[in-house]
Protein backbone atom coordinates (compact mmCIF):
# COMPACT_ATOMS: atom_id res chain seq x y z
CA MET A 1 18.28 7.81 -15.27
CA LYS A 2 17.68 6.92 -11.49
CA LEU A 3 16.52 10.69 -10.55
CA TYR A 4 14.02 9.91 -13.57
CA GLN A 5 12.54 6.50 -12.30
CA ILE A 6 12.04 7.96 -8.96
CA GLY A 7 10.56 11.11 -9.82
CA LYS A 8 8.14 8.86 -11.83
CA ARG A 9 7.53 6.66 -9.34
CA VAL A 10 6.38 9.55 -7.19
CA LEU A 11 4.44 11.49 -9.80
CA LEU A 12 2.52 8.26 -10.05
CA PHE A 13 1.98 7.71 -6.25
CA LEU A 14 0.75 11.34 -5.70
CA LEU A 15 -1.42 10.98 -9.01
CA VAL A 16 -2.82 7.61 -7.17
CA ASN A 17 -3.41 9.43 -3.97
CA ILE A 18 -5.30 12.48 -5.40
CA LEU A 19 -7.59 9.81 -7.67
CA VAL A 20 -8.50 7.76 -4.36
CA VAL A 21 -9.19 11.02 -2.85
CA LEU A 22 -11.28 12.72 -5.63
CA THR A 23 -12.99 9.43 -6.32
CA ILE A 24 -13.87 8.79 -2.19
CA GLY A 25 -15.26 12.30 -2.43
CA LEU A 26 -17.60 11.73 -5.77
CA VAL A 27 -18.86 8.38 -4.55
CA ALA A 28 -19.92 10.00 -1.30
CA GLU A 29 -21.93 12.89 -2.90
CA LEU A 30 -23.40 10.43 -5.18
CA LEU A 31 -24.70 8.26 -2.51
CA GLY A 32 -25.64 10.95 -0.53
CA VAL A 33 -23.12 10.61 2.29
CA SER A 34 -22.52 14.00 3.41
CA LYS A 35 -26.49 13.98 4.33
CA LEU A 36 -25.78 11.31 6.59
CA LEU A 37 -22.65 12.34 8.59
CA PRO A 38 -22.63 15.44 10.99
CA HIS A 39 -22.14 18.43 8.95
CA GLY A 40 -18.04 18.90 8.57
CA ARG A 41 -17.21 15.19 9.23
CA LEU A 42 -16.87 13.77 5.57
CA THR A 43 -13.96 15.43 4.67
CA PRO A 44 -11.93 14.45 7.68
CA LEU A 45 -13.16 10.78 6.88
CA ILE A 46 -11.91 10.84 3.24
CA ILE A 47 -8.57 11.79 4.59
CA PHE A 48 -8.17 9.37 7.44
CA SER A 49 -9.59 6.60 4.74
CA PHE A 50 -6.70 7.53 2.58
CA LEU A 51 -3.96 7.80 4.96
CA TRP A 52 -4.93 4.95 6.95
CA GLY A 53 -5.37 2.66 3.79
CA PHE A 54 -2.08 3.72 1.96
CA SER A 55 -0.30 3.75 5.16
CA GLY A 56 -0.74 -0.01 5.92
CA ALA A 57 0.04 -1.16 2.30
CA LEU A 58 3.35 1.32 2.10
CA ILE A 59 4.66 -0.19 5.54
CA SER A 60 4.00 -3.66 4.29
CA LEU A 61 5.82 -2.80 1.17
CA ALA A 62 8.74 -1.38 3.00
CA LEU A 63 9.27 -4.43 5.30
CA SER A 64 8.54 -6.85 2.51
CA ARG A 65 12.12 -8.20 2.01
CA LEU A 66 12.67 -8.61 5.90
CA MET A 67 8.95 -10.22 6.33
CA ALA A 68 9.97 -12.54 3.62
CA LYS A 69 13.22 -13.90 5.21
CA TRP A 70 11.49 -14.08 8.77
CA MET A 71 8.60 -16.04 7.42
CA MET A 72 10.08 -18.29 5.12
CA GLY A 73 13.69 -18.44 6.87
CA VAL A 74 15.46 -17.33 3.58
CA GLN A 75 18.92 -17.19 3.81
CA VAL A 76 20.51 -14.56 1.27
CA ILE A 77 23.42 -16.35 -0.70
CA PRO A 78 26.53 -14.47 -0.24
CA SER A 79 28.53 -13.15 -3.32
CA ASP A 80 31.65 -15.03 -2.81
CA THR A 81 29.82 -18.45 -2.31
CA ARG A 82 32.12 -21.56 -3.27
CA ASP A 83 28.98 -23.86 -3.62
CA PRO A 84 29.13 -24.65 -7.51
CA GLU A 85 25.25 -24.93 -7.39
CA LEU A 86 24.69 -21.63 -5.66
CA ARG A 87 26.83 -19.65 -7.88
CA GLU A 88 25.51 -21.00 -10.87
CA LEU A 89 22.03 -19.70 -9.10
CA LEU A 90 23.99 -16.26 -8.81
CA PHE A 91 24.95 -16.58 -12.26
CA MET A 92 21.42 -16.94 -13.55
CA VAL A 93 20.00 -13.86 -11.73
CA ARG A 94 22.70 -11.65 -12.39
CA GLU A 95 22.37 -12.32 -16.38
CA LEU A 96 18.66 -12.30 -16.23
CA ALA A 97 18.80 -9.08 -13.93
CA GLN A 98 21.22 -7.37 -16.96
CA GLN A 99 18.84 -8.47 -19.63
CA ALA A 100 15.69 -6.91 -17.77
CA LYS A 101 18.04 -3.80 -17.32
CA LEU A 102 17.39 -3.58 -13.53
CA PRO A 103 19.33 -0.95 -11.82
CA ALA A 104 20.45 -3.23 -9.26
CA MET A 105 21.51 -6.94 -8.74
CA PRO A 106 18.32 -8.37 -6.36
CA GLU A 107 19.41 -10.36 -3.26
CA VAL A 108 19.19 -13.96 -3.86
CA GLY A 109 18.37 -16.43 -1.01
CA ILE A 110 17.32 -19.91 -0.86
CA TYR A 111 14.89 -21.47 1.85
CA GLU A 112 13.80 -25.00 3.10
CA SER A 113 10.94 -26.45 1.37
CA PRO A 114 10.22 -29.43 -0.31
CA GLU A 115 7.70 -27.83 -2.11
CA ALA A 116 9.12 -26.73 -5.62
CA ASN A 117 8.57 -23.08 -5.49
CA ALA A 118 10.20 -19.61 -5.86
CA PHE A 119 8.94 -15.61 -5.02
CA ALA A 120 10.14 -12.37 -5.55
CA THR A 121 9.47 -9.43 -3.46
CA GLY A 122 11.22 -5.99 -2.19
CA PRO A 123 9.98 -2.35 -2.12
CA THR A 124 11.77 -1.13 -5.19
CA LYS A 125 13.58 -2.44 -8.38
CA SER A 126 16.78 -1.57 -6.52
CA ARG A 127 15.87 -3.15 -3.34
CA SER A 128 14.54 -6.82 -4.30
CA LEU A 129 14.98 -10.06 -3.57
CA VAL A 130 14.40 -13.48 -5.19
CA ALA A 131 14.17 -16.45 -3.25
CA VAL A 132 14.26 -20.42 -4.46
CA SER A 133 13.07 -23.33 -2.22
CA THR A 134 15.62 -26.22 -1.94
CA GLY A 135 12.70 -28.25 -3.14
CA LEU A 136 12.89 -26.44 -6.67
CA LEU A 137 16.52 -26.99 -6.69
CA ARG A 138 16.49 -30.45 -6.32
CA ARG A 139 13.75 -31.17 -8.27
CA MET A 140 14.41 -29.08 -11.62
CA ASN A 141 16.88 -29.00 -14.12
CA SER A 142 19.16 -25.94 -14.89
CA ASP A 143 16.72 -24.79 -17.69
CA GLU A 144 13.72 -24.93 -15.95
CA VAL A 145 15.06 -22.88 -13.10
CA LYS A 146 16.27 -20.35 -15.46
CA GLY A 147 12.58 -20.67 -16.86
CA VAL A 148 11.18 -19.85 -12.80
CA LEU A 149 14.17 -17.18 -12.08
CA ALA A 150 13.19 -15.52 -15.18
CA HIS A 151 9.50 -15.26 -14.53
CA GLU A 152 10.47 -13.95 -10.77
CA ILE A 153 12.79 -11.40 -12.51
CA SER A 154 9.95 -10.15 -14.72
CA HIS A 155 7.86 -9.15 -11.79
CA ILE A 156 10.62 -6.97 -10.42
CA ALA A 157 10.86 -5.22 -14.06
CA ASN A 158 7.22 -4.95 -14.18
CA GLY A 159 7.13 -3.30 -10.93
CA ASP A 160 4.40 -5.46 -9.63
CA MET A 161 5.48 -4.90 -5.87
CA VAL A 162 4.98 -1.45 -6.26
CA THR A 163 1.78 -1.51 -8.43
CA LEU A 164 0.06 -4.33 -6.00
CA THR A 165 0.80 -1.88 -2.99
CA LEU A 166 -1.08 1.03 -4.66
CA ILE A 167 -4.12 -1.40 -5.69
CA GLN A 168 -4.14 -2.72 -2.01
CA GLY A 169 -3.99 1.04 -0.86
CA VAL A 170 -6.77 1.92 -2.90
CA ILE A 171 -9.11 -1.15 -1.48
CA ASN A 172 -7.96 0.08 1.85
CA ALA A 173 -8.87 3.45 1.39
CA PHE A 174 -12.70 2.44 0.43
CA VAL A 175 -12.96 -0.44 2.81
CA ILE A 176 -12.18 2.23 5.85
CA PHE A 177 -14.53 4.66 4.51
CA LEU A 178 -17.32 2.66 3.63
CA SER A 179 -17.50 0.71 6.48
CA ARG A 180 -17.68 3.57 8.94
CA VAL A 181 -20.09 5.23 6.78
CA LEU A 182 -22.52 2.33 6.62
CA ALA A 183 -21.91 1.72 10.23
CA PHE A 184 -22.87 5.44 11.27
CA ALA A 185 -25.81 5.12 9.21
CA LEU A 186 -27.03 1.64 10.43
CA GLY A 187 -26.33 3.21 14.04
CA GLN A 188 -28.66 6.32 13.47
CA ALA A 189 -31.24 4.01 12.19
CA LEU A 190 -31.12 1.91 15.35
CA ARG A 191 -30.93 5.14 17.63
CA SER A 192 -34.23 6.52 15.66
CA ARG A 193 -36.05 3.02 15.76
CA ASP A 194 -35.48 2.83 19.78
CA ASP A 195 -35.46 6.40 20.20
CA ARG A 196 -32.16 6.28 21.88
CA ASP A 197 -29.84 9.55 22.34
CA ALA A 198 -26.87 7.48 20.84
CA THR A 199 -25.41 4.48 19.50
CA PRO A 200 -23.65 2.55 22.40
CA TRP A 201 -19.85 2.83 21.11
CA PHE A 202 -19.52 -1.25 21.29
CA LEU A 203 -22.59 -2.16 19.07
CA GLN A 204 -20.79 1.18 16.55
CA TYR A 205 -17.68 -0.36 16.60
CA LEU A 206 -19.15 -4.01 15.90
CA PHE A 207 -20.58 -2.83 12.82
CA ILE A 208 -17.62 -1.27 11.37
CA VAL A 209 -15.88 -4.37 12.18
CA ILE A 210 -18.46 -6.66 10.50
CA PHE A 211 -18.51 -4.30 7.48
CA GLU A 212 -14.82 -4.00 7.29
CA THR A 213 -14.42 -7.97 7.23
CA ILE A 214 -17.27 -8.10 4.39
CA PHE A 215 -15.69 -5.17 2.17
CA SER A 216 -11.90 -6.68 2.62
CA LEU A 217 -13.24 -10.09 1.04
CA LEU A 218 -14.70 -7.75 -1.79
CA GLY A 219 -11.55 -6.18 -2.14
CA ALA A 220 -9.56 -9.29 -2.12
CA ILE A 221 -11.46 -10.56 -5.06
CA VAL A 222 -10.15 -7.62 -6.75
CA VAL A 223 -6.60 -7.92 -5.82
CA CYS A 224 -6.31 -11.44 -6.59
CA TRP A 225 -7.85 -10.96 -9.98
CA PHE A 226 -5.01 -8.47 -10.56
CA SER A 227 -2.36 -10.94 -9.35
CA ARG A 228 -3.71 -13.39 -11.82
CA TRP A 229 -3.22 -10.89 -14.57
CA ARG A 230 0.34 -9.70 -13.76
CA GLU A 231 1.29 -13.42 -13.32
CA PHE A 232 0.16 -13.96 -17.29
CA ARG A 233 2.57 -10.96 -17.85
CA ALA A 234 5.44 -11.85 -15.86
CA ASP A 235 5.19 -15.56 -17.72
CA PHE A 236 5.18 -13.40 -20.85
CA GLY A 237 8.25 -11.40 -19.54
CA GLY A 238 10.11 -14.65 -18.69
CA ALA A 239 9.59 -16.00 -21.91
CA LYS A 240 11.21 -13.03 -23.58
CA LEU A 241 14.28 -13.50 -20.81
CA ALA A 242 15.12 -17.37 -20.72
CA GLY A 243 13.09 -18.19 -24.02
CA ARG A 244 9.75 -19.51 -24.65
CA GLU A 245 10.47 -23.47 -24.49
CA ARG A 246 12.39 -22.66 -21.00
CA MET A 247 8.93 -20.92 -19.46
CA ILE A 248 7.06 -23.87 -20.64
CA SER A 249 9.32 -26.38 -19.71
CA ALA A 250 9.68 -24.58 -16.03
CA LEU A 251 5.63 -24.64 -15.84
CA GLN A 252 5.32 -28.10 -17.27
CA ALA A 253 7.62 -29.49 -14.55
CA LEU A 254 5.81 -27.27 -11.96
CA LYS A 255 2.55 -29.07 -13.02
CA GLN A 256 4.14 -32.45 -13.07
CA LEU A 257 6.13 -32.26 -9.59
CA TYR A 258 2.69 -30.69 -7.70
CA ASP A 259 1.73 -32.38 -4.60
CA PRO A 260 -1.32 -31.32 -2.61
CA GLU A 261 0.13 -33.21 0.52
CA VAL A 262 3.24 -30.87 0.23
CA ALA A 263 1.30 -28.19 0.15
CA MET A 264 -0.79 -28.58 2.92
CA ASN A 265 2.07 -29.77 5.17
CA GLU A 266 3.62 -26.23 4.28
CA SER A 267 0.59 -24.54 5.17
CA ARG A 268 0.18 -26.29 8.67
CA GLN A 269 3.99 -25.23 9.31
CA GLY A 270 3.06 -21.92 8.52
CA GLN A 271 5.27 -21.46 5.17
CA ALA A 272 3.24 -19.81 2.78
CA PHE A 273 4.60 -16.59 1.81
CA GLN A 274 2.22 -16.13 -1.20
CA ALA A 275 2.86 -12.82 -2.65
CA PHE A 276 4.63 -13.87 -5.79
CA LYS A 277 5.02 -17.80 -5.50
CA ILE A 278 4.54 -19.59 -8.50
CA SER A 279 2.55 -22.79 -8.02
CA GLY A 280 -0.89 -22.98 -6.57
CA LYS A 281 -4.00 -25.09 -7.14
CA PRO A 282 -7.60 -23.50 -5.99
CA SER A 283 -10.88 -25.06 -7.05
CA GLY A 284 -14.53 -23.68 -6.75
CA PHE A 285 -15.06 -20.42 -4.90
CA LEU A 286 -11.45 -20.31 -4.09
CA LYS A 287 -10.59 -19.59 -7.58
CA LEU A 288 -11.93 -16.19 -6.95
CA PHE A 289 -9.14 -15.76 -4.16
CA ALA A 290 -6.30 -17.26 -6.14
CA THR A 291 -3.16 -15.39 -6.73
CA HIS A 292 -2.13 -17.55 -9.54
CA PRO A 293 -3.85 -18.96 -12.73
CA PRO A 294 -4.20 -22.59 -13.42
CA LEU A 295 -0.80 -23.91 -14.96
CA ASP A 296 -2.17 -25.57 -17.84
CA GLU A 297 -3.93 -21.89 -18.66
CA ARG A 298 -0.34 -20.25 -18.39
CA ILE A 299 1.27 -22.99 -20.88
CA ALA A 300 -1.25 -22.57 -23.40
CA ARG A 301 -1.42 -18.95 -23.27
CA LEU A 302 2.98 -19.33 -23.67
CA GLU A 303 2.11 -21.51 -26.70
CA GLU A 304 -0.06 -19.08 -28.35
CA MET A 305 2.01 -15.93 -27.71
CA ASN A 306 4.04 -14.47 -30.83
CA LEU A 307 7.26 -13.46 -29.31
């Protein structure tokens, strides 16, 4: 079964890669990019964009557990801990992981923070991490904590870390490709207007940076939209694992506990590992870059679900 799962993931990765290359090539032809670039440079640019775009996303995925521990100061709870509160936490995660049919028990960690929050990360279902804040353990009861943990375990069971990496890789590839094409086209236009022999390298590089910044922001909107969608799915999965009432109770507790001043203090302290955190309250234009939907909307959807 494990070999089958690995094979399925490898196949998915290869299919996504092929799709990205074909899509970039098709878009390039439709936009007439091959006419803008010097002969023979289109194919190398597509390959470069694909390799560079996905390599960054995959490296981030591979280091996700390590980076989470370093950035958040997560301390992994040993399996033989004698602390009754931590033993109960381990038991909950083990029980939920078995219900979700994960291939291995996730690492369970705790980090110092007054904010009631948690996150899940890791490169695969077999090498994942679930971490909770000390604020969450202090301010939530056992049922609410179980609802939060069920949500995070559902993220792992859904393979959200891998899926998000693939989407980010696609976005990265398009950002790299389009920014260089447009920078080259703009450089050619300036050269023709000013009758230059070539566009200065620093000006060409400046164009690339500007276009990469613009396209990265647009790409972030797409990634954040998917992130919000997966939160609803994780809520539904958490409700199936721990019960809808526990899941709703956990979200209602978060709504009552949420304190903007605490969040601001955490941001200043650099403690903002946002990949799978469960709370957040953006407004206005920032909603487009929100990784999580409003808590009221999440609660409403759970209440409407037929389980």
